[in-house]
Amino acid sequence: MENQQAKDIVFKEFTWLIQDFSKNKTKKQRSKSFEAGGCKWRILVNPSGKGVEYLSLFLKVANSLPSFGWTRYVYFKLSLINQIDNEKSITKETQQKFNAGHRSWGASILLLNDFYNTTKGYLVNDSCIIEAQVSVSDVAFQIQDNSTKITNHTQEEQAKTEEFTEQLEDQQSIYSSDGTPSFKSSDDYTWNQTIQTESEKQDILGATDETPSPKSSRYEPTAPPLYPCVDESPVEIPLTPLNDLIDYKSLKPEEVGFVLLLEDVCSRYPSLIESQKKRSPEFIHWAFIALGQVLYFLETTKAKNMDESASNYLQGLWEEVQLFGFDLTWLEPHVHYALGMKDYLGRAEKVRKLKEEVVALENEMKKLRVSLAITEVDLNIERRHLREEEKEFEEKDVDAVLGCGIF
């Protein structure tokens, strides 16, 4: 199969806006994944380069490798956008071979002092913009030789570059994504650093009849020579399916309901399967059935049904599954929560009764307040009537004799 010609390269573009960059300036940041060539990729930004104070960019395979022996040739460009002057945007491009041993490639881009200098235009309002152009192929790309862009060094500049490269290799060799030394020659998948101008972009992709010949320009590096970089993120290991360890056909009818739960937790916690691989088939079967019983109980039992009998049953299941050597630190809080429901239900019942008593007394108080209010109204009415009757009323001694006026 012939190598893919440069003019046939079709790039998948992805733009990543990183806001509040300084809040995580000591940590490697990862973009969301994007698809190119049927594979998932992501960009990584390291705010402290390999042993030097440079901002570094990486392109990394984002998901588990599809199959053993998977290999892809990737021609890609990583750009740090200058938000003040787009012509000063920094683009680095290369062709690299990605596989299980080389899952990510990256390089230093810019001195951190220049990056954090807001007048330079790379970090504005604590935000930066990174663009990726990715093209994926099963065969190597036949890229036009762009060495003219970097051959205009003076002998002194070339000597400094070679000296820096030798020091860098002495300190850390050349590392692939799995952390093992990978001693590649300087002309093997050479990185090129360019300034993003239209003429240079056309030069990379090949000139057309309408494209004027680009002017030669002096190459002035803003970062040391590029090199494959280490990605310290965990290597994703293909998961072993649960049905490789357990014969589903041998399960009893009441055990079949455990399968979906077990497959779900095993995908989340691969150590469950890894811890049992060296066991006998019978041991593995018992282990996962015991785990399935705990999961099934937790997923099907309502909290209100956790009486003393249910608590004792779950306690027995929990003690049994712990004997099989699983790492169950993720499950332990859920089991303890369920076992604590019995005491909770007891207290909840007391609280419920007290609430009922309080509500009854409050209702009685409301009735009494209503009755009191009515009584107060009646009292005020009678007082008003009394005042009206007392007008021009003179009290007399009703115990005195009426008399007839003789004496």
Protein backbone atom coordinates (compact mmCIF):
# COMPACT_ATOMS: atom_id res chain seq x y z
CA MET A 1 0.00 0.00 0.00
CA GLU A 2 1.43 3.36 -1.00
CA ASN A 3 2.04 6.07 1.51
CA GLN A 4 -0.68 8.70 1.74
CA GLN A 5 0.22 11.83 -0.20
CA ALA A 6 0.28 15.17 1.60
CA LYS A 7 -2.31 16.62 -0.75
CA ASP A 8 -4.78 13.90 0.31
CA ILE A 9 -4.53 14.71 4.01
CA VAL A 10 -7.87 15.60 5.59
CA PHE A 11 -7.65 17.08 9.06
CA LYS A 12 -10.15 16.82 11.87
CA GLU A 13 -10.08 20.13 13.74
CA PHE A 14 -10.71 20.62 17.44
CA THR A 15 -10.60 23.86 19.46
CA TRP A 16 -10.15 23.89 23.22
CA LEU A 17 -10.77 27.03 25.30
CA ILE A 18 -9.24 26.74 28.76
CA GLN A 19 -10.69 29.23 31.24
CA ASP A 20 -9.32 30.04 34.71
CA PHE A 21 -6.00 28.51 33.67
CA SER A 22 -4.08 29.80 36.70
CA LYS A 23 -6.33 27.89 39.11
CA ASN A 24 -4.81 24.63 37.86
CA LYS A 25 -1.47 25.89 36.66
CA THR A 26 0.43 23.18 38.56
CA LYS A 27 -1.65 20.30 37.21
CA LYS A 28 -1.85 18.64 33.82
CA GLN A 29 -5.17 19.49 32.19
CA ARG A 30 -7.09 17.29 29.76
CA SER A 31 -9.59 18.33 27.11
CA LYS A 32 -12.78 16.48 26.39
CA SER A 33 -12.35 13.71 23.84
CA PHE A 34 -12.94 14.20 20.13
CA GLU A 35 -13.07 11.74 17.25
CA ALA A 36 -10.70 11.57 14.32
CA GLY A 37 -10.13 8.61 12.04
CA GLY A 38 -12.49 6.39 14.01
CA CYS A 39 -10.52 6.87 17.24
CA LYS A 40 -11.01 9.02 20.32
CA TRP A 41 -8.31 11.60 21.08
CA ARG A 42 -7.75 14.32 23.63
CA ILE A 43 -5.29 17.16 24.17
CA LEU A 44 -3.17 17.37 27.31
CA VAL A 45 -1.57 20.56 28.60
CA ASN A 46 1.30 20.41 31.03
CA PRO A 47 2.07 23.82 32.57
CA SER A 48 5.54 22.64 33.55
CA GLY A 49 7.53 20.93 30.83
CA LYS A 50 9.92 18.03 31.15
CA GLY A 51 12.64 19.39 33.41
CA VAL A 52 12.43 22.90 31.97
CA GLU A 53 10.06 25.82 32.44
CA TYR A 54 8.07 25.40 29.26
CA LEU A 55 4.40 24.92 28.51
CA SER A 56 3.95 21.51 26.87
CA LEU A 57 1.19 20.10 24.66
CA PHE A 58 0.37 16.44 24.00
CA LEU A 59 -1.94 14.44 21.74
CA LYS A 60 -3.14 11.23 23.41
CA VAL A 61 -5.35 8.26 22.54
CA ALA A 62 -8.39 8.91 24.73
CA ASN A 63 -9.88 5.46 25.16
CA SER A 64 -8.82 1.83 25.44
CA LEU A 65 -7.03 0.49 22.39
CA PRO A 66 -9.49 -1.43 20.18
CA SER A 67 -7.40 -4.58 19.79
CA PHE A 68 -3.99 -6.13 20.27
CA GLY A 69 -1.55 -4.88 17.67
CA TRP A 70 -3.49 -1.68 17.02
CA THR A 71 -1.35 0.92 15.23
CA ARG A 72 -2.17 4.24 13.58
CA TYR A 73 -0.05 6.81 11.80
CA VAL A 74 -1.12 10.29 12.82
CA TYR A 75 -0.13 13.54 11.17
CA PHE A 76 -1.17 16.32 13.50
CA LYS A 77 -0.69 19.96 14.40
CA LEU A 78 -0.98 21.47 17.87
CA SER A 79 -1.37 25.24 18.05
CA LEU A 80 -1.22 27.72 20.90
CA ILE A 81 -3.29 30.67 19.66
CA ASN A 82 -2.11 34.23 20.16
CA GLN A 83 -5.26 36.17 21.01
CA ILE A 84 -3.69 39.55 20.26
CA ASP A 85 -1.84 38.81 17.02
CA ASN A 86 -2.89 35.60 15.27
CA GLU A 87 0.30 35.61 13.19
CA LYS A 88 2.24 34.96 16.40
CA SER A 89 0.27 31.80 17.13
CA ILE A 90 2.64 28.86 17.63
CA THR A 91 2.00 25.65 15.70
CA LYS A 92 3.93 22.42 16.02
CA GLU A 93 3.30 19.59 13.62
CA THR A 94 4.59 16.08 13.15
CA GLN A 95 3.81 12.58 11.98
CA GLN A 96 3.94 9.94 14.74
CA LYS A 97 3.12 6.28 15.11
CA PHE A 98 0.63 5.55 17.90
CA ASN A 99 0.30 2.08 19.41
CA ALA A 100 0.14 0.34 22.80
CA GLY A 101 3.70 1.42 23.56
CA HIS A 102 3.31 4.98 22.31
CA ARG A 103 -0.11 6.25 23.30
CA SER A 104 0.78 9.94 23.41
CA TRP A 105 3.23 12.38 21.85
CA GLY A 106 3.95 15.93 22.83
CA ALA A 107 6.48 18.69 23.09
CA SER A 108 7.43 21.92 24.79
CA ILE A 109 5.74 24.93 23.19
CA LEU A 110 6.63 28.18 24.93
CA LEU A 111 8.53 29.52 27.91
CA LEU A 112 6.18 29.77 30.88
CA ASN A 113 7.36 33.32 31.55
CA ASP A 114 6.25 34.33 28.06
CA PHE A 115 3.03 32.34 28.36
CA TYR A 116 1.98 34.02 31.63
CA ASN A 117 2.98 37.45 30.34
CA THR A 118 -0.45 38.80 29.35
CA THR A 119 1.10 41.34 26.98
CA LYS A 120 2.35 38.45 24.82
CA GLY A 121 -1.22 37.45 23.98
CA TYR A 122 -1.18 33.73 24.76
CA LEU A 123 -2.98 33.97 28.11
CA VAL A 124 -5.67 36.67 28.11
CA ASN A 125 -8.16 37.11 30.94
CA ASP A 126 -6.73 33.89 32.40
CA SER A 127 -7.88 31.98 29.30
CA CYS A 128 -5.94 30.35 26.50
CA ILE A 129 -6.96 28.70 23.24
CA ILE A 130 -5.47 25.50 21.86
CA GLU A 131 -6.27 24.07 18.45
CA ALA A 132 -5.57 20.60 17.13
CA GLN A 133 -5.64 19.33 13.56
CA VAL A 134 -5.49 15.55 13.37
CA SER A 135 -5.34 13.18 10.43
CA VAL A 136 -5.25 9.42 11.02
CA SER A 137 -4.14 6.70 8.61
CA ASP A 138 -3.28 3.00 8.57
CA VAL A 139 -0.12 3.79 6.60
CA ALA A 140 2.56 6.42 6.95
CA PHE A 141 1.96 9.82 5.37
CA GLN A 142 4.29 10.93 2.59
CA ILE A 143 4.95 14.46 3.83
CA GLN A 144 6.69 17.06 1.68
CA ASP A 145 10.15 17.83 3.00
CA ASN A 146 9.88 21.11 4.87
CA SER A 147 13.49 21.20 5.99
CA THR A 148 13.96 24.55 4.20
CA LYS A 149 12.05 26.12 7.05
CA ILE A 150 14.63 25.18 9.60
CA THR A 151 17.92 25.09 7.69
CA ASN A 152 18.62 28.80 7.80
CA HIS A 153 20.35 28.57 11.18
CA THR A 154 23.74 30.03 11.72
CA GLN A 155 26.41 27.58 12.78
CA GLU A 156 26.28 29.06 16.28
CA GLU A 157 22.51 28.53 16.53
CA GLN A 158 22.84 24.98 15.24
CA ALA A 159 25.55 24.22 17.79
CA LYS A 160 23.39 25.56 20.63
CA THR A 161 20.46 23.47 19.48
CA GLU A 162 22.56 20.30 19.28
CA GLU A 163 24.07 21.01 22.70
CA PHE A 164 20.62 21.46 24.26
CA THR A 165 19.37 18.24 22.64
CA GLU A 166 22.34 16.26 23.96
CA GLN A 167 21.78 17.61 27.50
CA LEU A 168 18.10 16.80 27.32
CA GLU A 169 18.75 13.24 26.15
CA ASP A 170 21.41 12.73 28.85
CA GLN A 171 18.96 13.81 31.56
CA GLN A 172 15.87 11.92 30.52
CA SER A 173 16.66 9.98 27.29
CA ILE A 174 13.74 10.00 24.91
CA TYR A 175 10.57 8.67 26.46
CA SER A 176 7.46 7.19 24.95
CA SER A 177 4.04 7.35 26.57
CA ASP A 178 4.59 4.17 28.58
CA GLY A 179 7.63 5.65 30.30
CA THR A 180 10.21 3.36 28.65
CA PRO A 181 13.25 4.78 26.81
CA SER A 182 12.74 5.06 23.07
CA PHE A 183 15.96 6.14 21.36
CA LYS A 184 14.79 7.58 18.06
CA SER A 185 17.08 9.26 15.57
CA SER A 186 16.80 12.98 15.07
CA ASP A 187 15.32 12.52 11.59
CA ASP A 188 12.74 9.96 12.71
CA TYR A 189 9.35 11.71 12.77
CA THR A 190 10.90 15.16 13.07
CA TRP A 191 8.76 17.88 14.64
CA ASN A 192 8.50 21.20 12.85
CA GLN A 193 7.63 24.46 14.58
CA THR A 194 5.94 27.09 12.39
CA ILE A 195 4.21 30.41 12.72
CA GLN A 196 0.59 30.16 11.54
CA THR A 197 0.55 32.15 8.31
CA GLU A 198 -1.48 31.21 5.27
CA SER A 199 1.58 30.84 3.05
CA GLU A 200 3.23 28.37 5.44
CA LYS A 201 0.02 26.38 5.88
CA GLN A 202 -0.18 26.01 2.10
CA ASP A 203 3.43 24.97 1.97
CA ILE A 204 2.76 22.17 4.46
CA LEU A 205 -0.22 20.83 2.53
CA GLY A 206 1.33 21.27 -0.91
CA ALA A 207 1.11 24.15 -3.34
CA THR A 208 -1.67 24.46 -5.91
CA ASP A 209 -1.81 26.35 -9.20
CA GLU A 210 -3.40 29.29 -7.41
CA THR A 211 -0.96 29.25 -4.50
CA PRO A 212 1.99 31.66 -4.78
CA SER A 213 5.37 30.33 -3.77
CA PRO A 214 6.04 31.08 -0.12
CA LYS A 215 8.83 33.43 0.77
CA SER A 216 11.79 31.96 2.57
CA SER A 217 11.97 33.02 6.19
CA ARG A 218 14.46 32.73 8.99
CA TYR A 219 13.52 30.08 11.56
CA GLU A 220 13.67 31.52 15.08
CA PRO A 221 12.80 28.89 17.68
CA THR A 222 10.90 30.02 20.79
CA ALA A 223 11.40 26.69 22.55
CA PRO A 224 14.10 23.99 22.65
CA PRO A 225 14.12 21.13 20.12
CA LEU A 226 11.09 18.90 20.38
CA TYR A 227 11.01 15.39 21.73
CA PRO A 228 8.53 12.62 22.54
CA CYS A 229 7.14 13.27 26.01
CA VAL A 230 5.94 11.15 28.87
CA ASP A 231 2.23 11.09 29.74
CA GLU A 232 2.01 10.15 33.42
CA SER A 233 -1.72 9.39 33.24
CA PRO A 234 -2.68 5.77 34.00
CA VAL A 235 -2.46 3.34 31.10
CA GLU A 236 -5.87 1.99 30.21
CA ILE A 237 -5.83 -1.82 30.22
CA PRO A 238 -8.46 -3.72 28.21
CA LEU A 239 -10.96 -5.27 30.61
CA THR A 240 -11.39 -9.01 30.96
CA PRO A 241 -15.08 -9.87 30.45
CA LEU A 242 -16.78 -11.51 33.40
CA ASN A 243 -18.01 -14.35 31.20
CA ASP A 244 -14.36 -15.35 30.67
CA LEU A 245 -14.30 -16.37 34.35
CA ILE A 246 -17.87 -17.55 34.93
CA ASP A 247 -19.97 -19.89 32.81
CA TYR A 248 -23.33 -18.13 32.76
CA LYS A 249 -25.03 -21.37 31.74
CA SER A 250 -24.07 -22.91 35.08
CA LEU A 251 -25.91 -20.25 37.07
CA LYS A 252 -29.06 -21.14 38.97
CA PRO A 253 -32.27 -19.27 38.07
CA GLU A 254 -32.04 -17.13 41.20
CA GLU A 255 -28.42 -16.26 40.34
CA VAL A 256 -29.08 -15.04 36.79
CA GLY A 257 -30.32 -11.73 38.19
CA PHE A 258 -26.84 -11.06 39.55
CA VAL A 259 -25.18 -10.96 36.11
CA LEU A 260 -26.03 -7.40 35.04
CA LEU A 261 -25.07 -6.04 38.45
CA LEU A 262 -21.77 -7.93 38.45
CA GLU A 263 -20.88 -6.86 34.91
CA ASP A 264 -21.56 -3.23 35.80
CA VAL A 265 -19.38 -3.16 38.93
CA CYS A 266 -16.61 -5.15 37.22
CA SER A 267 -16.46 -2.56 34.44
CA ARG A 268 -16.19 0.16 37.08
CA TYR A 269 -13.72 -1.72 39.31
CA PRO A 270 -11.51 -4.00 37.15
CA SER A 271 -9.61 -5.16 40.25
CA LEU A 272 -12.59 -7.39 41.09
CA ILE A 273 -11.76 -9.60 38.11
CA GLU A 274 -7.99 -9.22 38.37
CA SER A 275 -8.03 -10.44 41.99
CA GLN A 276 -9.74 -13.70 41.02
CA LYS A 277 -7.94 -14.68 37.79
CA LYS A 278 -5.57 -17.12 39.50
CA ARG A 279 -8.29 -18.84 41.53
CA SER A 280 -9.95 -22.12 40.70
CA PRO A 281 -13.19 -22.01 38.66
CA GLU A 282 -15.21 -23.16 41.68
CA PHE A 283 -13.68 -20.49 43.91
CA ILE A 284 -14.33 -17.80 41.29
CA HIS A 285 -17.94 -18.94 40.95
CA TRP A 286 -18.56 -18.83 44.71
CA ALA A 287 -16.78 -15.47 45.02
CA PHE A 288 -18.86 -13.68 42.40
CA ILE A 289 -22.10 -15.32 43.53
CA ALA A 290 -21.40 -14.05 47.06
CA LEU A 291 -20.72 -10.57 45.67
CA GLY A 292 -23.82 -10.78 43.49
CA GLN A 293 -25.97 -11.64 46.51
CA VAL A 294 -24.84 -8.50 48.32
CA LEU A 295 -25.39 -6.32 45.25
CA TYR A 296 -28.80 -7.84 44.53
CA PHE A 297 -29.91 -7.37 48.14
CA LEU A 298 -28.86 -3.71 48.13
CA GLU A 299 -30.53 -3.03 44.78
CA THR A 300 -33.85 -4.75 45.56
CA THR A 301 -34.43 -4.10 49.27
CA LYS A 302 -36.21 -0.94 50.36
CA ALA A 303 -34.91 0.94 53.35
CA LYS A 304 -38.19 0.59 55.22
CA ASN A 305 -37.83 -3.22 55.13
CA MET A 306 -34.47 -3.26 56.92
CA ASP A 307 -35.72 -4.79 60.13
CA GLU A 308 -33.63 -6.95 62.45
CA SER A 309 -34.07 -10.05 60.29
CA ALA A 310 -32.97 -8.27 57.09
CA SER A 311 -30.02 -6.67 58.86
CA ASN A 312 -28.80 -10.03 60.16
CA TYR A 313 -29.13 -11.53 56.67
CA LEU A 314 -27.11 -8.71 55.06
CA GLN A 315 -24.48 -8.93 57.80
CA GLY A 316 -24.02 -12.61 57.01
CA LEU A 317 -23.68 -11.93 53.26
CA TRP A 318 -21.15 -9.16 53.91
CA GLU A 319 -18.98 -11.30 56.18
CA GLU A 320 -19.04 -14.08 53.59
CA VAL A 321 -18.03 -11.98 50.57
CA GLN A 322 -15.11 -10.46 52.48
CA LEU A 323 -13.52 -13.90 52.68
CA PHE A 324 -12.84 -14.00 48.92
CA GLY A 325 -10.18 -11.29 48.80
CA PHE A 326 -12.05 -8.61 46.86
CA ASP A 327 -11.15 -4.96 47.31
CA LEU A 328 -14.55 -3.76 48.49
CA THR A 329 -13.67 -0.34 49.84
CA TRP A 330 -16.08 1.15 47.29
CA LEU A 331 -18.96 -1.06 48.53
CA GLU A 332 -18.33 -0.86 52.28
CA PRO A 333 -20.02 2.54 52.83
CA HIS A 334 -23.20 1.30 51.12
CA VAL A 335 -23.31 -1.84 53.26
CA HIS A 336 -22.73 0.10 56.47
CA TYR A 337 -25.46 2.52 55.45
CA ALA A 338 -27.88 -0.38 54.92
CA LEU A 339 -26.92 -2.05 58.21
CA GLY A 340 -27.49 1.21 60.02
CA MET A 341 -31.05 1.40 58.75
CA LYS A 342 -32.40 -0.79 61.59
CA ASP A 343 -31.34 1.71 64.25
CA TYR A 344 -32.46 4.53 62.02
CA LEU A 345 -35.92 3.00 61.61
CA GLY A 346 -36.22 2.65 65.40
CA ARG A 347 -35.36 6.28 65.94
CA ALA A 348 -37.48 7.29 62.97
CA GLU A 349 -40.49 5.59 64.60
CA LYS A 350 -39.91 7.50 67.84
CA VAL A 351 -39.53 10.73 65.93
CA ARG A 352 -42.72 9.95 64.00
CA LYS A 353 -44.73 9.43 67.20
CA LEU A 354 -43.32 12.56 68.80
CA LYS A 355 -44.17 14.52 65.70
CA GLU A 356 -47.74 13.20 65.85
CA GLU A 357 -48.04 14.26 69.50
CA VAL A 358 -46.64 17.67 68.73
CA VAL A 359 -49.05 18.07 65.82
CA ALA A 360 -52.00 17.03 68.03
CA LEU A 361 -51.04 19.54 70.71
CA GLU A 362 -50.52 22.25 68.13
CA ASN A 363 -53.98 21.54 66.71
CA GLU A 364 -55.45 21.73 70.22
CA MET A 365 -53.66 25.03 70.74
CA LYS A 366 -55.12 26.31 67.50
CA LYS A 367 -58.62 25.35 68.64
CA LEU A 368 -58.07 27.01 72.00
CA ARG A 369 -56.74 30.14 70.34
CA VAL A 370 -59.83 30.27 68.12
CA SER A 371 -62.10 29.79 71.14
CA LEU A 372 -60.21 32.45 73.06
CA ALA A 373 -60.52 34.85 70.17
CA ILE A 374 -64.30 34.30 70.04
CA THR A 375 -64.57 34.83 73.80
CA GLU A 376 -62.59 38.06 73.55
CA VAL A 377 -65.00 39.31 70.88
CA ASP A 378 -68.03 38.48 73.03
CA LEU A 379 -66.40 40.17 76.00
CA ASN A 380 -65.80 43.37 74.09
CA ILE A 381 -69.42 43.41 72.89
CA GLU A 382 -70.79 43.03 76.39
CA ARG A 383 -68.49 45.75 77.70
CA ARG A 384 -69.84 48.11 75.07
CA HIS A 385 -73.42 47.29 76.04
CA LEU A 386 -72.54 47.85 79.67
CA ARG A 387 -71.15 51.29 79.00
CA GLU A 388 -74.32 52.27 77.14
CA GLU A 389 -76.59 51.10 79.96
CA GLU A 390 -74.52 52.85 82.62
CA LYS A 391 -75.11 56.24 81.04
CA GLU A 392 -77.44 58.38 83.30
CA PHE A 393 -77.87 55.37 85.51
CA GLU A 394 -77.73 56.01 89.29
CA GLU A 395 -77.22 53.12 91.58
CA LYS A 396 -79.65 52.76 94.52
CA ASP A 397 -79.67 50.81 97.79
CA VAL A 398 -82.02 48.02 96.99
CA ASP A 399 -81.85 46.72 100.58
CA ALA A 400 -83.48 49.88 101.96
CA VAL A 401 -87.23 50.03 102.85
CA LEU A 402 -89.25 51.63 100.18
CA GLY A 403 -91.25 53.79 102.70
CA CYS A 404 -94.23 56.08 102.12
CA GLY A 405 -92.89 59.39 103.30
CA ILE A 406 -94.72 59.45 106.73
CA PHE A 407 -91.65 59.47 108.84
